[in-house]
C-alpha atoms as a PDB file:
ATOM      1  CA  SER A   1       9.492  30.183  -9.674  1.00  0.00           C
ATOM      2  CA  GLY A   2      10.984  26.716  -9.258  1.00  0.00           C
ATOM      3  CA  ASN A   3      14.538  27.911  -8.775  1.00  0.00           C
ATOM      4  CA  PHE A   4      15.801  25.186  -6.401  1.00  0.00           C
ATOM      5  CA  TYR A   5      18.489  24.092  -8.867  1.00  0.00           C
ATOM      6  CA  ASN A   6      18.860  27.604 -10.358  1.00  0.00           C
ATOM      7  CA  GLN A   7      16.466  26.610 -13.138  1.00  0.00           C
ATOM      8  CA  GLY A   8      13.712  29.142 -12.443  1.00  0.00           C
ATOM      9  CA  GLU A   9      13.509  30.506 -15.973  1.00  0.00           C
ATOM     10  CA  ILE A  10      13.618  27.029 -17.522  1.00  0.00           C
ATOM     11  CA  ARG A  11      10.908  25.765 -15.167  1.00  0.00           C
ATOM     12  CA  LYS A  12       8.664  28.773 -15.894  1.00  0.00           C
ATOM     13  CA  LYS A  13       8.829  27.949 -19.613  1.00  0.00           C
ATOM     14  CA  GLU A  14       8.177  24.274 -18.888  1.00  0.00           C
ATOM     15  CA  LEU A  15       5.125  25.230 -16.804  1.00  0.00           C
ATOM     16  CA  GLU A  16       3.758  27.325 -19.669  1.00  0.00           C
ATOM     17  CA  GLN A  17       4.296  24.434 -22.111  1.00  0.00           C
ATOM     18  CA  SER A  18       2.624  21.989 -19.733  1.00  0.00           C
ATOM     19  CA  CYS A  19      -0.374  24.287 -19.238  1.00  0.00           C
ATOM     20  CA  CYS A  20      -0.685  24.675 -23.008  1.00  0.00           C
ATOM     21  CA  VAL A  21      -0.925  20.869 -23.359  1.00  0.00           C
ATOM     22  CA  LEU A  22      -3.662  20.902 -20.701  1.00  0.00           C
ATOM     23  CA  GLY A  23      -5.561  23.730 -22.441  1.00  0.00           C
ATOM     24  CA  ILE A  24      -4.835  26.356 -19.784  1.00  0.00           C
ATOM     25  CA  PRO A  25      -4.325  29.778 -21.371  1.00  0.00           C
ATOM     26  CA  ALA A  26      -1.165  31.727 -20.513  1.00  0.00           C
ATOM     27  CA  SER A  27      -3.345  34.526 -19.118  1.00  0.00           C
ATOM     28  CA  ASP A  28      -4.463  32.158 -16.340  1.00  0.00           C
ATOM     29  CA  ILE A  29      -0.913  31.330 -15.215  1.00  0.00           C
ATOM     30  CA  THR A  30       0.554  33.258 -12.312  1.00  0.00           C
ATOM     31  CA  VAL A  31       4.147  32.553 -11.304  1.00  0.00           C
ATOM     32  CA  ILE A  32       5.048  33.955  -7.916  1.00  0.00           C
ATOM     33  CA  ASP A  33       8.733  34.687  -7.468  1.00  0.00           C
ATOM     34  CA  HIS A  34       9.009  35.769  -3.843  1.00  0.00           C
ATOM     35  CA  ARG A  35      12.184  35.549  -1.751  1.00  0.00           C
ATOM     36  CA  ASP A  36      10.169  34.328   1.256  1.00  0.00           C
ATOM     37  CA  LEU A  37       8.745  31.412  -0.765  1.00  0.00           C
ATOM     38  CA  PRO A  38      11.850  29.574  -2.007  1.00  0.00           C
ATOM     39  CA  ASP A  39      11.518  26.427  -4.089  1.00  0.00           C
ATOM     40  CA  ASP A  40      13.059  24.020  -1.603  1.00  0.00           C
ATOM     41  CA  PRO A  41      11.579  20.705  -0.433  1.00  0.00           C
ATOM     42  CA  ALA A  42      13.071  21.260   3.038  1.00  0.00           C
ATOM     43  CA  VAL A  43      11.664  24.772   3.597  1.00  0.00           C
ATOM     44  CA  ASP A  44       8.300  25.458   5.207  1.00  0.00           C
ATOM     45  CA  TRP A  45       6.843  28.523   3.543  1.00  0.00           C
ATOM     46  CA  ASP A  46       5.389  31.498   5.384  1.00  0.00           C
ATOM     47  CA  THR A  47       1.780  30.344   5.262  1.00  0.00           C
ATOM     48  CA  GLN A  48       0.347  33.741   6.201  1.00  0.00           C
ATOM     49  CA  LEU A  49       2.091  35.312   3.195  1.00  0.00           C
ATOM     50  CA  LEU A  50       1.065  32.397   1.004  1.00  0.00           C
ATOM     51  CA  ALA A  51      -2.565  32.554   2.129  1.00  0.00           C
ATOM     52  CA  THR A  52      -2.674  36.279   1.342  1.00  0.00           C
ATOM     53  CA  LEU A  53      -1.219  35.699  -2.146  1.00  0.00           C
ATOM     54  CA  VAL A  54      -3.658  32.844  -2.846  1.00  0.00           C
ATOM     55  CA  LEU A  55      -6.579  34.999  -1.736  1.00  0.00           C
ATOM     56  CA  LYS A  56      -5.467  37.875  -4.013  1.00  0.00           C
ATOM     57  CA  HIS A  57      -5.317  35.456  -6.954  1.00  0.00           C
ATOM     58  CA  ILE A  58      -8.743  34.005  -6.119  1.00  0.00           C
ATOM     59  CA  GLU A  59     -10.268  37.470  -6.063  1.00  0.00           C
ATOM     60  CA  ALA A  60      -8.430  38.734  -9.164  1.00  0.00           C
ATOM     61  CA  LYS A  61      -9.425  35.715 -11.278  1.00  0.00           C
ATOM     62  CA  ASN A  62     -12.871  35.247  -9.696  1.00  0.00           C
ATOM     63  CA  ILE A  63     -12.018  31.657  -8.776  1.00  0.00           C
ATOM     64  CA  ASN A  64     -14.693  29.542  -7.098  1.00  0.00           C
ATOM     65  CA  LEU A  65     -12.765  26.281  -6.630  1.00  0.00           C
ATOM     66  CA  VAL A  66      -9.235  25.635  -5.371  1.00  0.00           C
ATOM     67  CA  VAL A  67      -7.715  22.171  -5.648  1.00  0.00           C
ATOM     68  CA  THR A  68      -4.753  21.797  -3.326  1.00  0.00           C
ATOM     69  CA  PHE A  69      -2.779  19.242  -1.362  1.00  0.00           C
ATOM     70  CA  ASP A  70      -3.894  17.595   1.857  1.00  0.00           C
ATOM     71  CA  ALA A  71      -1.747  17.572   5.020  1.00  0.00           C
ATOM     72  CA  GLY A  72       0.528  14.894   3.507  1.00  0.00           C
ATOM     73  CA  GLY A  73       1.378  17.016   0.466  1.00  0.00           C
ATOM     74  CA  VAL A  74       1.111  13.826  -1.682  1.00  0.00           C
ATOM     75  CA  SER A  75       4.900  13.348  -1.446  1.00  0.00           C
ATOM     76  CA  GLY A  76       5.683  14.938   1.915  1.00  0.00           C
ATOM     77  CA  HIS A  77       7.213  17.975   0.138  1.00  0.00           C
ATOM     78  CA  ALA A  78       7.364  20.855   2.650  1.00  0.00           C
ATOM     79  CA  ASN A  79       6.235  23.417   0.045  1.00  0.00           C
ATOM     80  CA  HIS A  80       3.159  21.280  -0.792  1.00  0.00           C
ATOM     81  CA  ILE A  81       2.257  20.984   2.873  1.00  0.00           C
ATOM     82  CA  SER A  82       2.609  24.769   3.252  1.00  0.00           C
ATOM     83  CA  LEU A  83       0.062  25.175   0.442  1.00  0.00           C
ATOM     84  CA  TYR A  84      -2.331  22.913   2.331  1.00  0.00           C
ATOM     85  CA  THR A  85      -1.852  24.918   5.498  1.00  0.00           C
ATOM     86  CA  ALA A  86      -2.428  28.234   3.714  1.00  0.00           C
ATOM     87  CA  ASP A  87      -5.318  27.032   1.564  1.00  0.00           C
ATOM     88  CA  THR A  88      -7.143  25.497   4.507  1.00  0.00           C
ATOM     89  CA  LEU A  89      -7.173  28.884   6.179  1.00  0.00           C
ATOM     90  CA  GLN A  90      -5.335  27.623   9.253  1.00  0.00           C
ATOM     91  CA  GLU A  91      -2.776  30.390   9.042  1.00  0.00           C
ATOM     92  CA  PHE A  92      -4.711  33.380   7.699  1.00  0.00           C
ATOM     93  CA  CYS A  93      -3.273  36.403   9.442  1.00  0.00           C
ATOM     94  CA  CYS A  94      -6.642  37.723  10.540  1.00  0.00           C
ATOM     95  CA  PHE A  95     -10.305  36.775  10.725  1.00  0.00           C
ATOM     96  CA  GLU A  96     -11.127  39.486   8.162  1.00  0.00           C
ATOM     97  CA  ILE A  97      -9.226  37.622   5.407  1.00  0.00           C
ATOM     98  CA  PHE A  98     -11.033  34.404   6.371  1.00  0.00           C
ATOM     99  CA  LEU A  99     -14.391  36.188   5.962  1.00  0.00           C
ATOM    100  CA  ILE A 100     -13.366  37.612   2.581  1.00  0.00           C
ATOM    101  CA  PHE A 101     -12.410  34.094   1.422  1.00  0.00           C
ATOM    102  CA  LEU A 102     -15.828  32.795   2.419  1.00  0.00           C
ATOM    103  CA  CYS A 103     -17.605  35.779   0.853  1.00  0.00           C
ATOM    104  CA  VAL A 104     -16.001  35.234  -2.552  1.00  0.00           C
ATOM    105  CA  GLY A 105     -17.689  31.810  -2.541  1.00  0.00           C
ATOM    106  CA  CYS A 106     -14.564  29.771  -3.073  1.00  0.00           C
ATOM    107  CA  ARG A 107     -14.617  26.055  -2.175  1.00  0.00           C
ATOM    108  CA  VAL A 108     -11.512  23.964  -1.519  1.00  0.00           C
ATOM    109  CA  LEU A 109     -10.850  20.361  -2.563  1.00  0.00           C
ATOM    110  CA  LEU A 110      -7.923  18.507  -0.999  1.00  0.00           C
ATOM    111  CA  LEU A 111      -6.055  15.928  -3.091  1.00  0.00           C
ATOM    112  CA  GLU A 112      -5.745  12.759  -1.011  1.00  0.00           C
ATOM    113  CA  SER A 113      -2.249  11.552  -0.149  1.00  0.00           C
ATOM    114  CA  VAL A 114      -2.106   7.770  -0.242  1.00  0.00           C
ATOM    115  CA  ASN A 115       0.449   5.275   1.051  1.00  0.00           C
ATOM    116  CA  LEU A 116       3.420   4.273  -1.097  1.00  0.00           C
ATOM    117  CA  PHE A 117       1.827   1.005  -2.225  1.00  0.00           C
ATOM    118  CA  ARG A 118      -1.350   2.684  -3.491  1.00  0.00           C
ATOM    119  CA  LYS A 119       0.614   5.578  -4.978  1.00  0.00           C
ATOM    120  CA  TYR A 120       2.384   3.257  -7.432  1.00  0.00           C
ATOM    121  CA  ILE A 121      -0.225   0.713  -8.489  1.00  0.00           C
ATOM    122  CA  SER A 122      -1.552   2.886 -11.306  1.00  0.00           C
ATOM    123  CA  PHE A 123      -5.036   1.952 -12.549  1.00  0.00           C
ATOM    124  CA  LEU A 124      -5.372  -0.828  -9.958  1.00  0.00           C
ATOM    125  CA  ASP A 125      -6.000   1.874  -7.350  1.00  0.00           C
ATOM    126  CA  VAL A 126      -9.302   2.705  -9.067  1.00  0.00           C
ATOM    127  CA  LEU A 127     -10.839  -0.330  -7.355  1.00  0.00           C
ATOM    128  CA  ILE A 128      -9.602   0.729  -3.912  1.00  0.00           C
ATOM    129  CA  SER A 129     -10.536   4.387  -4.445  1.00  0.00           C
ATOM    130  CA  CYS A 130     -14.078   3.478  -5.431  1.00  0.00           C
ATOM    131  CA  LEU A 131     -14.570   1.613  -2.158  1.00  0.00           C
ATOM    132  CA  LEU A 132     -13.193   4.293   0.167  1.00  0.00           C
ATOM    133  CA  PRO A 133     -15.029   7.430   1.335  1.00  0.00           C
ATOM    134  CA  ARG A 134     -14.267  10.666  -0.542  1.00  0.00           C
ATOM    135  CA  ASP A 135     -16.140  13.728  -1.739  1.00  0.00           C
ATOM    136  CA  ALA A 136     -14.927  13.607  -5.331  1.00  0.00           C
ATOM    137  CA  LEU A 137     -13.301  10.944  -7.457  1.00  0.00           C
ATOM    138  CA  PHE A 138     -11.762  11.631 -10.849  1.00  0.00           C
ATOM    139  CA  ILE A 139     -10.954   8.666 -13.042  1.00  0.00           C
ATOM    140  CA  LEU A 140      -9.160   9.714 -16.192  1.00  0.00           C
ATOM    141  CA  THR A 141      -9.834   8.161 -19.558  1.00  0.00           C
ATOM    142  CA  GLU A 142      -6.923   6.699 -21.502  1.00  0.00           C
ATOM    143  CA  GLU A 143      -6.819   9.884 -23.610  1.00  0.00           C
ATOM    144  CA  GLU A 144      -6.794  12.107 -20.510  1.00  0.00           C
ATOM    145  CA  THR A 145      -4.039  10.001 -18.932  1.00  0.00           C
ATOM    146  CA  GLU A 146      -1.908  10.366 -22.059  1.00  0.00           C
ATOM    147  CA  ARG A 147      -2.499  14.129 -22.058  1.00  0.00           C
ATOM    148  CA  ALA A 148      -1.448  14.303 -18.381  1.00  0.00           C
ATOM    149  CA  LYS A 149       1.724  12.368 -19.238  1.00  0.00           C
ATOM    150  CA  ARG A 150       2.478  14.714 -22.167  1.00  0.00           C
ATOM    151  CA  ALA A 151       1.997  17.677 -19.837  1.00  0.00           C
ATOM    152  CA  MET A 152       4.336  16.170 -17.265  1.00  0.00           C
ATOM    153  CA  ARG A 153       6.971  15.437 -19.925  1.00  0.00           C
ATOM    154  CA  CYS A 154       7.076  19.178 -20.626  1.00  0.00           C
ATOM    155  CA  HIS A 155       8.864  19.508 -17.277  1.00  0.00           C
ATOM    156  CA  ARG A 156      12.081  18.079 -18.756  1.00  0.00           C
ATOM    157  CA  SER A 157      14.333  19.642 -16.112  1.00  0.00           C
ATOM    158  CA  GLN A 158      12.493  17.671 -13.416  1.00  0.00           C
ATOM    159  CA  LEU A 159      12.178  14.301 -15.161  1.00  0.00           C
ATOM    160  CA  LEU A 160      14.674  12.437 -13.023  1.00  0.00           C
ATOM    161  CA  TRP A 161      14.674   8.619 -12.924  1.00  0.00           C
ATOM    162  CA  PHE A 162      12.070   8.414 -10.147  1.00  0.00           C
ATOM    163  CA  ARG A 163       9.686  10.706 -12.036  1.00  0.00           C
ATOM    164  CA  GLN A 164      10.030   8.434 -15.052  1.00  0.00           C
ATOM    165  CA  LEU A 165       8.769   5.635 -12.789  1.00  0.00           C
ATOM    166  CA  TYR A 166       6.011   7.991 -11.642  1.00  0.00           C
ATOM    167  CA  LEU A 167       4.899   8.390 -15.263  1.00  0.00           C
ATOM    168  CA  LEU A 168       4.654   4.624 -15.595  1.00  0.00           C
ATOM    169  CA  PHE A 169       3.116   3.614 -12.285  1.00  0.00           C
ATOM    170  CA  SER A 170       1.509   6.543 -10.451  1.00  0.00           C
ATOM    171  CA  ARG A 171      -2.166   6.290  -9.597  1.00  0.00           C
ATOM    172  CA  TYR A 172      -2.353  10.117  -9.753  1.00  0.00           C
ATOM    173  CA  LEU A 173      -2.154   9.948 -13.545  1.00  0.00           C
ATOM    174  CA  VAL A 174      -5.221   7.710 -13.557  1.00  0.00           C
ATOM    175  CA  VAL A 175      -7.278   8.333 -10.427  1.00  0.00           C
ATOM    176  CA  ASN A 176      -7.534  11.191  -7.947  1.00  0.00           C
ATOM    177  CA  SER A 177      -9.641  11.163  -4.814  1.00  0.00           C
ATOM    178  CA  LEU A 178     -10.427  14.455  -3.123  1.00  0.00           C
ATOM    179  CA  ARG A 179     -12.017  15.673   0.069  1.00  0.00           C
ATOM    180  CA  LEU A 180     -14.072  18.853   0.329  1.00  0.00           C
ATOM    181  CA  LEU A 181     -12.789  21.199   2.999  1.00  0.00           C
END
């Protein structure tokens, strides 16, 4: 629930506001508040539990595409890397769950983690991203970039100084390269 700084309730509301800006209906938002999945950048989550919860959500919502982090977690955040591990099926607790995941026809795209230089050169990374191999490349229009920034500004409790810089310089608000799992 985003309770690392005891702000779980605030961050839930911020998530709902952000999703509203992005056009995601409240009925499609699922907040998992589980004691074994604490919001803590230093904690590796139980990926078997996480994989099971992700699979339940995929089945319940009839999801056919999951976009998740790659092994770098974009920022090296342990929780992000745990999502990668769970979503890539590396830690599914049994082969049966793996088969169910495949049977529901769900594909997985991994958001590419880039080095620090590329991460903060904003739109200039479009040129580099176009030249490098990837399975999908999303280049946002100016309007889409502004919407993404408005959505991020909804997370007021997390807008520390370095995230303000992120809003100004991050390539992820302009270009995203992904790899199909």
